[in-house]
Amino acid sequence: MSNPRTTDLNEPASPEGVPDVLRYAAEKMYEQAAELRSAWQSGTAGDPWTMIAVELERAADRIKRKL
């Protein structure tokens, strides 16, 4: 089945699209974490963003398994 991919959590193409939305959000959080580490010259500056990204990926995996 081919569904259009969306990255807007308010408008997923179908329930099957929700994991993709969550993974996209996780990617953005990882990018922000890297930017913070670089800007602040601190290895731990982006840790909260990384933690959220990991949780988003876990949620995406759980949802994918249930669909």
C-alpha atoms as a PDB file:
ATOM      1  CA  MET A   1       0.000   0.000   0.000  1.00  0.00           C
ATOM      2  CA  SER A   2       1.394   3.385  -0.973  1.00  0.00           C
ATOM      3  CA  ASN A   3       0.559   6.315   1.276  1.00  0.00           C
ATOM      4  CA  PRO A   4       1.714   9.861   0.742  1.00  0.00           C
ATOM      5  CA  ARG A   5       4.320  10.700   3.360  1.00  0.00           C
ATOM      6  CA  THR A   6       3.595  13.586   5.668  1.00  0.00           C
ATOM      7  CA  THR A   7       5.637  15.102   8.436  1.00  0.00           C
ATOM      8  CA  ASP A   8       2.760  17.050   9.991  1.00  0.00           C
ATOM      9  CA  LEU A   9       1.387  15.280  13.057  1.00  0.00           C
ATOM     10  CA  ASN A  10      -1.898  17.140  12.596  1.00  0.00           C
ATOM     11  CA  GLU A  11      -2.338  15.728   9.092  1.00  0.00           C
ATOM     12  CA  PRO A  12      -0.910  12.207   8.825  1.00  0.00           C
ATOM     13  CA  ALA A  13      -2.104  10.508   5.650  1.00  0.00           C
ATOM     14  CA  SER A  14      -3.222   7.507   7.714  1.00  0.00           C
ATOM     15  CA  PRO A  15      -2.468   5.877  11.061  1.00  0.00           C
ATOM     16  CA  GLU A  16       0.405   4.123   9.330  1.00  0.00           C
ATOM     17  CA  GLY A  17       1.940   7.551   8.710  1.00  0.00           C
ATOM     18  CA  VAL A  18       2.270   8.435  12.403  1.00  0.00           C
ATOM     19  CA  PRO A  19       5.577   6.551  12.903  1.00  0.00           C
ATOM     20  CA  ASP A  20       7.077   8.495   9.989  1.00  0.00           C
ATOM     21  CA  VAL A  21       5.969  11.766  11.556  1.00  0.00           C
ATOM     22  CA  LEU A  22       7.536  10.791  14.875  1.00  0.00           C
ATOM     23  CA  ARG A  23      10.784   9.738  13.202  1.00  0.00           C
ATOM     24  CA  TYR A  24      10.927  13.029  11.314  1.00  0.00           C
ATOM     25  CA  ALA A  25      10.480  14.907  14.593  1.00  0.00           C
ATOM     26  CA  ALA A  26      13.245  12.779  16.131  1.00  0.00           C
ATOM     27  CA  GLU A  27      15.590  13.648  13.247  1.00  0.00           C
ATOM     28  CA  LYS A  28      14.947  17.344  13.865  1.00  0.00           C
ATOM     29  CA  MET A  29      15.631  16.919  17.586  1.00  0.00           C
ATOM     30  CA  TYR A  30      18.952  15.173  16.828  1.00  0.00           C
ATOM     31  CA  GLU A  31      19.896  18.046  14.506  1.00  0.00           C
ATOM     32  CA  GLN A  32      19.064  20.604  17.188  1.00  0.00           C
ATOM     33  CA  ALA A  33      21.074  18.653  19.753  1.00  0.00           C
ATOM     34  CA  ALA A  34      24.107  18.673  17.471  1.00  0.00           C
ATOM     35  CA  GLU A  35      23.748  22.402  16.854  1.00  0.00           C
ATOM     36  CA  LEU A  36      23.590  23.092  20.587  1.00  0.00           C
ATOM     37  CA  ARG A  37      26.649  20.943  21.310  1.00  0.00           C
ATOM     38  CA  SER A  38      28.556  22.825  18.649  1.00  0.00           C
ATOM     39  CA  ALA A  39      27.356  26.297  19.628  1.00  0.00           C
ATOM     40  CA  TRP A  40      27.904  25.808  23.345  1.00  0.00           C
ATOM     41  CA  GLN A  41      31.096  23.747  22.921  1.00  0.00           C
ATOM     42  CA  SER A  42      29.655  21.265  25.396  1.00  0.00           C
ATOM     43  CA  GLY A  43      29.229  17.549  24.864  1.00  0.00           C
ATOM     44  CA  THR A  44      26.112  17.503  27.016  1.00  0.00           C
ATOM     45  CA  ALA A  45      24.377  20.672  25.811  1.00  0.00           C
ATOM     46  CA  GLY A  46      21.962  18.809  23.545  1.00  0.00           C
ATOM     47  CA  ASP A  47      21.223  15.914  25.880  1.00  0.00           C
ATOM     48  CA  PRO A  48      17.583  16.863  26.574  1.00  0.00           C
ATOM     49  CA  TRP A  49      16.908  17.036  22.832  1.00  0.00           C
ATOM     50  CA  THR A  50      18.647  13.705  22.275  1.00  0.00           C
ATOM     51  CA  MET A  51      16.599  12.107  25.063  1.00  0.00           C
ATOM     52  CA  ILE A  52      13.374  13.319  23.462  1.00  0.00           C
ATOM     53  CA  ALA A  53      14.492  12.058  20.044  1.00  0.00           C
ATOM     54  CA  VAL A  54      15.176   8.598  21.471  1.00  0.00           C
ATOM     55  CA  GLU A  55      11.718   8.508  23.053  1.00  0.00           C
ATOM     56  CA  LEU A  56      10.090   9.598  19.793  1.00  0.00           C
ATOM     57  CA  GLU A  57      11.871   6.792  17.943  1.00  0.00           C
ATOM     58  CA  ARG A  58      10.760   4.267  20.565  1.00  0.00           C
ATOM     59  CA  ALA A  59       7.168   5.474  20.269  1.00  0.00           C
ATOM     60  CA  ALA A  60       7.368   5.195  16.478  1.00  0.00           C
ATOM     61  CA  ASP A  61       8.627   1.606  16.793  1.00  0.00           C
ATOM     62  CA  ARG A  62       5.864   0.664  19.243  1.00  0.00           C
ATOM     63  CA  ILE A  63       3.172   2.149  17.029  1.00  0.00           C
ATOM     64  CA  LYS A  64       4.574   0.484  13.911  1.00  0.00           C
ATOM     65  CA  ARG A  65       4.501  -2.919  15.624  1.00  0.00           C
ATOM     66  CA  LYS A  66       0.867  -2.460  16.649  1.00  0.00           C
ATOM     67  CA  LEU A  67      -0.376  -1.498  13.178  1.00  0.00           C
END
